[in-house]
Amino acid sequence: MKGYSIKQIIDEIEKTGMKITIAVDAQPIFSALLGGVARKVFFDPRFKFITTDFTVSEVKKYLAFIAEKSGKQEKDIIRALDLLPLTAYEQQYYEQNDQLPNNSSVHAIPKMLISLHLY
């Protein structure tokens, strides 16, 4: 949808009732676990979030750091990670397939939309 604003893309997709599928890396997950604005975006019903198992494992390496920064216990951070509405796929899935699950397309949402940080 080259040439369209993000608002136009979202408005057009909302008309159809489809969810926008967004592939996320570790950064917005960190932000959500630290209480950043990304947490609100993750729970916006207009979006579906996908990532890789590798990304989730990378986030898990930093659970102690996230707990320290957030002032929460590590078990609470693990629970929060489990509650994020993410579907994780094996990295190989992306390398071997042109299509995403259920033939949905991924929309490139600017990093500033999904990776907002409030520290």
Protein backbone atom coordinates (compact mmCIF):
# COMPACT_ATOMS: atom_id res chain seq x y z
CA MET A 1 0.00 0.00 0.00
CA LYS A 2 2.73 2.36 -1.01
CA GLY A 3 1.78 6.01 -0.78
CA TYR A 4 -0.82 5.56 1.95
CA SER A 5 -0.50 6.84 5.50
CA ILE A 6 -0.67 4.41 8.40
CA LYS A 7 -4.04 5.89 9.37
CA GLN A 8 -5.37 5.26 5.86
CA ILE A 9 -4.16 1.66 5.94
CA ILE A 10 -5.70 1.04 9.36
CA ASP A 11 -8.99 2.71 8.34
CA GLU A 12 -9.18 0.61 5.18
CA ILE A 13 -8.51 -2.63 7.03
CA GLU A 14 -11.00 -1.76 9.79
CA LYS A 15 -13.70 -1.41 7.13
CA THR A 16 -13.20 -5.07 6.24
CA GLY A 17 -13.16 -6.23 9.87
CA MET A 18 -9.74 -7.84 9.40
CA LYS A 19 -7.03 -7.66 12.01
CA ILE A 20 -3.72 -6.14 11.02
CA THR A 21 -0.95 -8.70 11.51
CA ILE A 22 2.28 -7.17 12.75
CA ALA A 23 5.57 -9.01 13.05
CA VAL A 24 7.49 -7.77 16.10
CA ASP A 25 11.05 -8.14 17.26
CA ALA A 26 12.31 -8.06 20.86
CA GLN A 27 12.27 -4.29 21.31
CA PRO A 28 8.48 -3.76 21.59
CA ILE A 29 8.24 -6.84 23.82
CA PHE A 30 10.85 -5.31 26.16
CA SER A 31 8.92 -2.05 26.11
CA ALA A 32 5.64 -3.77 27.00
CA LEU A 33 7.26 -5.69 29.86
CA LEU A 34 8.79 -2.48 31.19
CA GLY A 35 5.39 -0.75 31.18
CA GLY A 36 5.91 1.29 28.00
CA VAL A 37 3.25 2.42 25.56
CA ALA A 38 3.82 -0.74 23.51
CA ARG A 39 1.82 -2.62 26.15
CA LYS A 40 -1.32 -0.70 25.14
CA VAL A 41 -0.67 -1.36 21.46
CA PHE A 42 -0.29 -5.10 22.09
CA PHE A 43 -3.80 -5.20 23.56
CA ASP A 44 -5.42 -3.13 20.81
CA PRO A 45 -8.02 -5.48 19.29
CA ARG A 46 -7.31 -4.21 15.76
CA PHE A 47 -3.95 -5.97 15.74
CA LYS A 48 -2.60 -9.49 15.76
CA PHE A 49 1.07 -9.90 16.70
CA ILE A 50 3.47 -12.55 15.52
CA THR A 51 7.12 -13.16 16.28
CA THR A 52 9.66 -15.96 16.18
CA ASP A 53 10.53 -18.48 18.89
CA PHE A 54 14.06 -17.10 18.67
CA THR A 55 12.83 -13.60 19.57
CA VAL A 56 10.96 -14.92 22.60
CA SER A 57 14.06 -16.83 23.73
CA GLU A 58 16.13 -13.64 23.37
CA VAL A 59 13.65 -11.74 25.55
CA LYS A 60 13.79 -14.50 28.17
CA LYS A 61 17.56 -14.01 28.47
CA TYR A 62 16.87 -10.55 29.89
CA LEU A 63 14.10 -11.39 32.36
CA ALA A 64 16.26 -10.62 35.40
CA PHE A 65 17.27 -7.26 33.92
CA ILE A 66 13.64 -6.41 33.06
CA ALA A 67 12.57 -7.37 36.58
CA GLU A 68 15.26 -5.15 38.07
CA LYS A 69 14.40 -2.17 35.82
CA SER A 70 10.67 -2.52 36.43
CA GLY A 71 10.90 -3.19 40.16
CA LYS A 72 8.90 -6.40 39.73
CA GLN A 73 9.72 -9.99 40.56
CA GLU A 74 11.01 -12.16 37.72
CA LYS A 75 8.05 -14.52 38.07
CA ASP A 76 5.72 -11.55 37.43
CA ILE A 77 7.66 -10.63 34.30
CA ILE A 78 7.39 -14.22 33.06
CA ARG A 79 3.64 -14.13 33.65
CA ALA A 80 3.36 -10.79 31.83
CA LEU A 81 5.31 -12.22 28.88
CA ASP A 82 2.99 -15.22 28.78
CA LEU A 83 -0.04 -12.90 28.76
CA LEU A 84 1.12 -10.81 25.81
CA PRO A 85 -1.03 -11.66 22.80
CA LEU A 86 1.84 -12.96 20.69
CA THR A 87 1.94 -15.96 18.40
CA ALA A 88 5.50 -17.24 18.08
CA TYR A 89 6.57 -19.27 15.06
CA GLU A 90 9.77 -21.16 14.36
CA GLN A 91 12.34 -19.04 12.53
CA GLN A 92 12.39 -21.62 9.73
CA TYR A 93 8.74 -20.88 9.01
CA TYR A 94 9.65 -17.42 7.75
CA GLU A 95 12.63 -18.66 5.80
CA GLN A 96 10.64 -21.35 3.96
CA ASN A 97 7.26 -19.70 3.37
CA ASP A 98 6.09 -16.72 1.38
CA GLN A 99 2.77 -16.68 3.21
CA LEU A 100 2.01 -16.16 6.87
CA PRO A 101 -0.47 -18.32 8.80
CA ASN A 102 -4.02 -18.26 7.45
CA ASN A 103 -2.81 -16.42 4.33
CA SER A 104 -2.82 -13.10 6.19
CA SER A 105 -0.39 -10.41 5.16
CA VAL A 106 1.97 -8.51 7.39
CA HIS A 107 1.78 -4.75 7.20
CA ALA A 108 4.93 -2.80 7.75
CA ILE A 109 4.08 -0.52 10.63
CA PRO A 110 6.72 2.11 11.39
CA LYS A 111 8.95 1.28 14.33
CA MET A 112 7.73 4.39 16.14
CA LEU A 113 4.18 3.00 16.31
CA ILE A 114 4.97 -0.36 17.87
CA SER A 115 8.26 0.32 19.58
CA LEU A 116 7.40 3.24 21.83
CA HIS A 117 9.35 3.40 25.06
CA LEU A 118 8.62 5.19 28.29
CA TYR A 119 11.45 4.66 30.73
